[in-house]
């Protein structure tokens, strides 16, 4: 099968969708012909067996037409658009994008079009967002109408948008971890970081954003260890200053940007991973999936974007608290902090849950199977 995948940014640039695309391409390149169509203003890392073409610029919205022409000339079996509205234009606006996909459909009818929705549109939080969401909703509607198949990174979206695309195949395709599983001793990593064996390490991993509710992390830490003795927060991510300010005077280790291998080692050092998301944990959160991959006992929130498959694992592979109940979140963190046996059970189950659902071979297989079913 010949597949072209459109993604404006690829590694080494720090971009979640870019990492997702590169990992997916690498996984299927051994059995299929894969070409990545990406932005002009970068020098992507080469991926064995994958062709990479720099064709367009996010700053020049009409340049997406060059992608359309390339696809028409090559006539692949499938073209897959990795979609977040902000990836294709300022304010998430690029009306040339649906036009380019429509041109492909008309000029190359043998090429089927798949849309992968990583983010549909901004919610209406204020007047600015209300304006932006208008064109972003239209873009998503039009792209989905043109698509032969639509993937969504979380199941709640796949169910929500069925009424937008009646009769069209909509498939839940979760993300995986973009962190390699590096062998290493928990005690050795903690020793390297100056963490004593008896210290309770609460993990916080990813970018700093209000949607990640950092005040819940701070309050949960103070609830478990009011004086901060024998406990600390290990933050793994690029926003050291913002996180340190948000967490106040609670003992914190934050090293800034790290290699993927070093991130893996830091995950091994954690006793509990704290994942309070304003919309709930979901299968589009690579930080959560990475914690499951590493078997880190996790306490997260259950909200309107939480997948049913994650809800079913509450008490088995992770612990969940209602997104509107901070006291319950604190209670679950304290429960886990005081129960080493429960931490061990969640750790083992989390690794199994990851292996059964979120490895790259499983995700790639689900994608290819979906292509073949059309």
Protein backbone atom coordinates (compact mmCIF):
# COMPACT_ATOMS: atom_id res chain seq x y z
CA UNK A 1 0.00 0.00 0.00
CA UNK A 2 1.25 3.46 -0.93
CA UNK A 3 0.42 6.06 1.76
CA UNK A 4 1.21 9.78 1.86
CA UNK A 5 0.97 11.45 5.28
CA UNK A 6 0.68 15.24 5.66
CA UNK A 7 2.22 16.75 8.81
CA UNK A 8 3.59 20.32 8.95
CA UNK A 9 6.24 19.55 11.60
CA UNK A 10 8.46 16.50 12.16
CA UNK A 11 11.28 15.64 14.58
CA UNK A 12 13.68 16.93 15.72
CA UNK A 13 11.25 19.82 16.23
CA UNK A 14 9.34 19.46 19.50
CA UNK A 15 5.81 18.70 18.36
CA UNK A 16 3.49 15.97 19.60
CA UNK A 17 1.75 15.41 16.27
CA UNK A 18 5.10 15.42 14.49
CA UNK A 19 6.43 12.75 16.85
CA UNK A 20 3.24 10.73 16.36
CA UNK A 21 3.60 10.92 12.59
CA UNK A 22 7.26 9.93 12.59
CA UNK A 23 6.70 6.97 14.90
CA UNK A 24 3.70 5.76 12.89
CA UNK A 25 5.60 6.10 9.62
CA UNK A 26 8.57 4.19 10.98
CA UNK A 27 6.30 1.37 12.16
CA UNK A 28 4.57 0.78 8.82
CA UNK A 29 7.50 1.56 6.51
CA UNK A 30 8.68 -2.04 6.54
CA UNK A 31 5.55 -3.32 4.82
CA UNK A 32 4.17 -0.26 3.00
CA UNK A 33 5.46 2.64 0.92
CA UNK A 34 5.33 5.74 3.11
CA UNK A 35 5.93 9.36 2.11
CA UNK A 36 5.75 12.25 4.59
CA UNK A 37 4.74 15.65 3.21
CA UNK A 38 5.91 18.37 5.55
CA UNK A 39 6.85 22.04 5.99
CA UNK A 40 9.55 23.87 4.07
CA UNK A 41 11.20 25.57 7.04
CA UNK A 42 12.75 22.52 8.70
CA UNK A 43 15.26 19.75 8.25
CA UNK A 44 13.53 16.60 9.51
CA UNK A 45 15.35 13.59 10.86
CA UNK A 46 15.55 10.84 8.28
CA UNK A 47 13.41 7.77 8.93
CA UNK A 48 14.62 4.45 7.43
CA UNK A 49 12.41 3.40 4.52
CA UNK A 50 10.42 6.65 4.54
CA UNK A 51 10.52 9.38 1.87
CA UNK A 52 10.20 12.96 3.18
CA UNK A 53 9.19 15.90 0.99
CA UNK A 54 9.25 19.55 2.12
CA UNK A 55 6.37 21.11 0.19
CA UNK A 56 4.51 23.86 2.04
CA UNK A 57 4.67 26.56 4.70
CA UNK A 58 2.23 27.19 7.53
CA UNK A 59 2.99 30.91 7.16
CA UNK A 60 1.92 30.75 3.50
CA UNK A 61 -1.54 29.18 3.63
CA UNK A 62 -2.06 28.86 -0.15
CA UNK A 63 1.19 26.86 -0.42
CA UNK A 64 -0.79 23.78 0.65
CA UNK A 65 -1.71 23.57 -3.04
CA UNK A 66 1.79 22.17 -3.66
CA UNK A 67 0.86 19.19 -1.49
CA UNK A 68 -2.27 18.65 -3.55
CA UNK A 69 -0.34 18.72 -6.80
CA UNK A 70 2.30 16.31 -5.49
CA UNK A 71 -0.34 13.83 -4.36
CA UNK A 72 -2.14 14.09 -7.70
CA UNK A 73 1.09 13.44 -9.58
CA UNK A 74 2.05 10.45 -7.40
CA UNK A 75 -1.46 8.98 -7.08
CA UNK A 76 -0.96 7.04 -3.81
CA UNK A 77 -3.58 4.66 -2.46
CA UNK A 78 -4.20 6.86 0.57
CA UNK A 79 -3.39 10.38 1.72
CA UNK A 80 -3.65 10.89 5.49
CA UNK A 81 -3.97 14.41 6.91
CA UNK A 82 -2.72 14.82 10.50
CA UNK A 83 -5.06 17.56 11.67
CA UNK A 84 -4.94 20.20 14.33
CA UNK A 85 -6.35 23.49 12.98
CA UNK A 86 -3.45 25.53 14.38
CA UNK A 87 -0.96 23.33 12.52
CA UNK A 88 -2.02 24.79 9.17
CA UNK A 89 -2.42 28.50 9.79
CA UNK A 90 -2.45 31.32 12.31
CA UNK A 91 -5.57 31.28 14.50
CA UNK A 92 -6.33 27.82 13.11
CA UNK A 93 -7.48 29.32 9.82
CA UNK A 94 -6.63 27.89 6.41
CA UNK A 95 -9.53 27.76 3.99
CA UNK A 96 -7.10 26.58 1.31
CA UNK A 97 -6.70 23.27 3.13
CA UNK A 98 -10.19 21.88 2.39
CA UNK A 99 -9.86 23.21 -1.15
CA UNK A 100 -6.60 21.30 -1.60
CA UNK A 101 -8.18 18.07 -0.37
CA UNK A 102 -11.12 18.61 -2.70
CA UNK A 103 -8.74 19.09 -5.62
CA UNK A 104 -7.08 15.75 -4.82
CA UNK A 105 -10.47 14.02 -4.70
CA UNK A 106 -11.44 15.38 -8.10
CA UNK A 107 -8.14 14.97 -9.92
CA UNK A 108 -7.08 11.64 -8.40
CA UNK A 109 -10.24 9.62 -7.70
CA UNK A 110 -8.25 6.43 -7.02
CA UNK A 111 -6.57 8.11 -4.05
CA UNK A 112 -8.61 7.83 -0.86
CA UNK A 113 -8.47 10.53 1.80
CA UNK A 114 -8.23 9.87 5.56
CA UNK A 115 -8.46 12.57 8.21
CA UNK A 116 -6.80 12.11 11.62
CA UNK A 117 -8.30 14.55 14.14
CA UNK A 118 -5.91 15.34 16.99
CA UNK A 119 -7.81 18.51 17.91
CA UNK A 120 -11.14 19.50 16.28
CA UNK A 121 -11.57 23.17 17.24
CA UNK A 122 -11.20 25.48 20.21
CA UNK A 123 -13.95 25.54 22.83
CA UNK A 124 -15.93 28.73 23.35
CA UNK A 125 -14.16 30.25 26.36
CA UNK A 126 -14.48 33.94 25.44
CA UNK A 127 -15.26 36.21 22.48
CA UNK A 128 -11.89 35.51 20.83
CA UNK A 129 -12.43 31.75 20.99
CA UNK A 130 -16.03 32.14 19.83
CA UNK A 131 -14.78 33.83 16.65
CA UNK A 132 -11.97 31.33 16.02
CA UNK A 133 -14.16 28.29 16.58
CA UNK A 134 -16.50 29.45 13.79
CA UNK A 135 -14.08 28.89 10.93
CA UNK A 136 -12.39 25.98 12.68
CA UNK A 137 -15.73 24.15 12.89
CA UNK A 138 -16.39 24.81 9.21
CA UNK A 139 -12.92 23.50 8.26
CA UNK A 140 -13.46 20.31 10.24
CA UNK A 141 -16.93 19.81 8.79
CA UNK A 142 -15.68 20.26 5.24
CA UNK A 143 -12.61 18.05 5.67
CA UNK A 144 -14.70 15.30 7.22
CA UNK A 145 -17.22 15.50 4.40
CA UNK A 146 -14.42 15.04 1.87
CA UNK A 147 -12.76 12.18 3.77
CA UNK A 148 -13.37 8.50 3.04
CA UNK A 149 -12.40 7.69 6.61
CA UNK A 150 -12.03 9.80 9.78
CA UNK A 151 -9.81 8.87 12.72
CA UNK A 152 -10.18 10.49 16.14
CA UNK A 153 -7.59 10.31 18.90
CA UNK A 154 -10.28 9.88 21.57
CA UNK A 155 -13.45 7.83 21.53
CA UNK A 156 -15.75 10.62 22.84
CA UNK A 157 -15.00 12.60 19.66
CA UNK A 158 -15.65 9.59 17.44
CA UNK A 159 -19.10 9.28 19.04
CA UNK A 160 -19.79 13.02 19.15
CA UNK A 161 -19.11 13.66 15.47
CA UNK A 162 -21.18 10.79 14.07
CA UNK A 163 -24.03 13.22 13.61
CA UNK A 164 -21.74 15.44 11.52
CA UNK A 165 -20.83 12.61 9.13
CA UNK A 166 -23.75 10.16 8.98
CA UNK A 167 -22.81 6.82 7.46
CA UNK A 168 -19.08 7.64 7.26
CA UNK A 169 -16.53 5.31 8.92
CA UNK A 170 -15.26 6.97 12.12
CA UNK A 171 -12.48 5.15 13.97
CA UNK A 172 -10.91 5.70 17.38
CA UNK A 173 -7.13 5.71 16.90
CA UNK A 174 -5.33 6.57 20.17
CA UNK A 175 -1.84 7.95 20.53
CA UNK A 176 1.09 5.97 21.85
CA UNK A 177 4.15 6.97 23.82
CA UNK A 178 6.89 8.94 22.10
CA UNK A 179 9.33 7.94 24.86
CA UNK A 180 11.51 4.84 24.43
CA UNK A 181 11.46 2.34 27.28
CA UNK A 182 15.02 2.61 28.56
CA UNK A 183 16.39 -0.06 30.86
CA UNK A 184 17.49 1.30 34.20
CA UNK A 185 17.33 0.80 37.92
CA UNK A 186 14.82 2.94 39.84
CA UNK A 187 17.21 3.17 42.77
CA UNK A 188 20.14 4.12 40.53
CA UNK A 189 18.17 6.94 38.87
CA UNK A 190 16.99 8.25 42.23
CA UNK A 191 20.53 8.13 43.57
CA UNK A 192 21.74 10.10 40.55
CA UNK A 193 19.10 12.75 41.26
CA UNK A 194 19.94 12.87 44.96
CA UNK A 195 16.64 11.31 46.03
CA UNK A 196 16.74 9.07 49.10
CA UNK A 197 15.12 5.60 48.91
CA UNK A 198 12.41 6.51 51.45
CA UNK A 199 11.33 9.72 49.66
CA UNK A 200 7.89 9.69 48.01
CA UNK A 201 8.31 11.01 44.46
CA UNK A 202 5.22 12.58 42.90
CA UNK A 203 5.62 12.93 39.12
CA UNK A 204 4.37 15.75 36.91
CA UNK A 205 5.18 15.33 33.20
CA UNK A 206 4.55 17.46 30.12
CA UNK A 207 4.00 21.06 29.14
CA UNK A 208 2.69 23.64 31.60
CA UNK A 209 -0.87 24.70 30.91
CA UNK A 210 -3.93 25.58 32.96
CA UNK A 211 -5.68 22.57 31.40
CA UNK A 212 -3.22 20.44 33.38
CA UNK A 213 -4.40 22.03 36.66
CA UNK A 214 -0.99 22.54 38.34
CA UNK A 215 -2.68 23.83 41.52
CA UNK A 216 -4.19 20.33 41.97
CA UNK A 217 -0.66 18.89 41.81
CA UNK A 218 0.55 21.36 44.43
CA UNK A 219 -2.41 20.80 46.74
CA UNK A 220 -2.25 17.01 46.42
CA UNK A 221 1.44 17.11 47.35
CA UNK A 222 0.73 19.24 50.40
CA UNK A 223 -2.14 16.96 51.37
CA UNK A 224 0.13 13.91 51.30
CA UNK A 225 3.13 15.63 52.92
CA UNK A 226 2.11 18.93 54.56
CA UNK A 227 5.63 19.73 55.70
CA UNK A 228 7.25 18.52 52.51
CA UNK A 229 9.43 16.06 54.43
CA UNK A 230 10.21 12.75 52.71
CA UNK A 231 8.31 13.82 49.59
CA UNK A 232 9.05 15.85 46.48
CA UNK A 233 7.67 16.65 43.06
CA UNK A 234 9.72 15.52 40.05
CA UNK A 235 8.73 17.68 37.08
CA UNK A 236 9.75 16.43 33.64
CA UNK A 237 9.12 19.03 30.95
CA UNK A 238 10.35 22.26 29.38
CA UNK A 239 8.56 24.85 31.56
CA UNK A 240 10.73 24.80 34.67
CA UNK A 241 10.18 28.38 35.78
CA UNK A 242 6.40 28.37 35.40
CA UNK A 243 6.01 25.03 37.16
CA UNK A 244 8.36 25.99 40.00
CA UNK A 245 6.40 29.20 40.61
CA UNK A 246 3.09 27.36 40.50
CA UNK A 247 4.19 24.66 42.94
CA UNK A 248 5.42 27.19 45.47
CA UNK A 249 7.92 26.12 48.11
CA UNK A 250 7.20 22.40 47.94
CA UNK A 251 10.45 20.47 47.28
CA UNK A 252 10.76 20.14 43.51
CA UNK A 253 13.26 18.77 41.02
CA UNK A 254 13.00 20.27 37.53
CA UNK A 255 15.79 19.92 34.98
CA UNK A 256 14.25 21.51 31.90
CA UNK A 257 14.38 19.87 28.49
CA UNK A 258 15.72 16.32 28.49
CA UNK A 259 16.39 13.68 25.88
CA UNK A 260 13.71 11.05 25.42
CA UNK A 261 16.02 8.50 27.04
CA UNK A 262 16.50 10.70 30.11
CA UNK A 263 12.74 11.24 30.32
CA UNK A 264 12.30 7.47 30.46
CA UNK A 265 14.72 7.24 33.36
CA UNK A 266 12.90 10.02 35.27
CA UNK A 267 9.60 8.21 34.80
CA UNK A 268 11.19 5.15 36.41
CA UNK A 269 12.07 7.27 39.46
CA UNK A 270 8.44 8.26 40.14
CA UNK A 271 6.27 6.61 42.79
CA UNK A 272 3.02 8.27 41.67
CA UNK A 273 2.23 10.14 38.47
CA UNK A 274 -0.27 13.00 38.90
CA UNK A 275 -2.48 13.58 35.83
CA UNK A 276 -5.20 16.11 36.64
CA UNK A 277 -6.59 17.30 33.29
CA UNK A 278 -9.43 19.82 33.14
CA UNK A 279 -11.20 17.71 30.50
CA UNK A 280 -10.15 14.39 32.06
CA UNK A 281 -7.44 11.92 31.11
CA UNK A 282 -7.82 10.59 27.59
CA UNK A 283 -6.11 8.51 24.92
CA UNK A 284 -4.71 11.61 23.21
CA UNK A 285 -2.46 12.49 26.16
CA UNK A 286 0.99 11.11 25.38
CA UNK A 287 2.18 11.95 28.89
CA UNK A 288 -0.47 9.64 30.37
CA UNK A 289 0.27 6.88 27.85
CA UNK A 290 4.00 7.16 28.64
CA UNK A 291 3.28 6.78 32.36
CA UNK A 292 1.26 3.61 31.63
CA UNK A 293 4.08 2.34 29.41
CA UNK A 294 6.56 2.75 32.28
CA UNK A 295 4.20 1.27 34.84
CA UNK A 296 4.01 4.43 36.95
CA UNK A 297 1.05 4.24 39.37
CA UNK A 298 -1.22 7.06 38.23
CA UNK A 299 -3.96 9.24 39.68
CA UNK A 300 -5.91 11.14 37.02
CA UNK A 301 -9.19 12.95 36.53
CA UNK A 302 -12.32 11.65 34.85
CA UNK A 303 -13.99 14.26 32.65
CA UNK A 304 -15.99 14.76 29.48
CA UNK A 305 -13.07 13.68 27.26
CA UNK A 306 -12.19 10.54 29.22
CA UNK A 307 -12.45 7.43 27.06
CA UNK A 308 -14.60 4.58 28.24
CA UNK A 309 -11.61 2.23 27.96
CA UNK A 310 -9.79 4.36 30.57
CA UNK A 311 -12.85 4.60 32.82
CA UNK A 312 -13.06 0.82 32.87
CA UNK A 313 -9.48 0.66 34.17
CA UNK A 314 -10.23 2.80 37.22
CA UNK A 315 -8.96 0.82 40.20
CA UNK A 316 -7.14 -1.65 37.93
CA UNK A 317 -4.47 0.21 35.91
CA UNK A 318 -4.91 3.70 37.39
CA UNK A 319 -7.04 5.63 39.85
CA UNK A 320 -9.50 8.31 38.70
CA UNK A 321 -11.24 11.14 40.54
CA UNK A 322 -14.08 13.22 39.17
CA UNK A 323 -12.73 16.36 37.53
CA UNK A 324 -15.01 18.45 39.75
CA UNK A 325 -13.90 16.80 43.01
CA UNK A 326 -10.46 17.97 44.09
CA UNK A 327 -10.85 16.45 47.53
CA UNK A 328 -11.35 13.03 45.99
CA UNK A 329 -8.23 13.54 43.87
CA UNK A 330 -6.25 14.31 47.03
CA UNK A 331 -7.80 11.29 48.72
CA UNK A 332 -6.77 8.97 45.86
CA UNK A 333 -3.21 10.31 45.91
CA UNK A 334 -3.00 9.77 49.66
CA UNK A 335 -4.47 6.28 49.28
CA UNK A 336 -1.79 5.36 46.78
CA UNK A 337 0.98 7.00 48.80
CA UNK A 338 0.12 4.87 51.81
CA UNK A 339 -0.36 1.55 50.01
CA UNK A 340 2.78 0.09 48.44
CA UNK A 341 0.94 -3.08 47.45
CA UNK A 342 -1.66 -1.09 45.52
CA UNK A 343 1.09 0.83 43.75
CA UNK A 344 2.69 -2.45 42.68
CA UNK A 345 -0.65 -3.81 41.42
CA UNK A 346 -1.41 -0.68 39.41
CA UNK A 347 2.12 -0.69 38.01
CA UNK A 348 1.85 -4.24 36.67
CA UNK A 349 -1.64 -3.70 35.29
CA UNK A 350 -0.67 -0.40 33.65
CA UNK A 351 2.13 -2.05 31.68
CA UNK A 352 -0.21 -4.81 30.54
CA UNK A 353 -2.89 -2.30 29.59
CA UNK A 354 -0.34 -0.34 27.55
CA UNK A 355 0.96 -3.46 25.77
CA UNK A 356 -2.57 -4.55 24.88
CA UNK A 357 -3.73 -1.20 23.49
CA UNK A 358 -1.11 1.48 22.90
CA UNK A 359 2.03 0.07 21.34
CA UNK A 360 2.99 1.40 17.92
CA UNK A 361 2.47 -2.00 16.23
CA UNK A 362 -1.10 -2.13 17.55
CA UNK A 363 -1.91 1.43 16.51
CA UNK A 364 -0.32 1.01 13.08
CA UNK A 365 -2.19 -2.26 12.55
CA UNK A 366 -5.48 -0.59 13.43
CA UNK A 367 -4.76 2.18 10.91
CA UNK A 368 -3.84 -0.19 8.08
CA UNK A 369 -6.78 -2.48 8.83
CA UNK A 370 -9.09 0.53 8.63
CA UNK A 371 -7.61 1.48 5.24
CA UNK A 372 -8.07 -2.04 3.95
CA UNK A 373 -11.70 -2.16 5.09
CA UNK A 374 -12.72 0.72 2.82
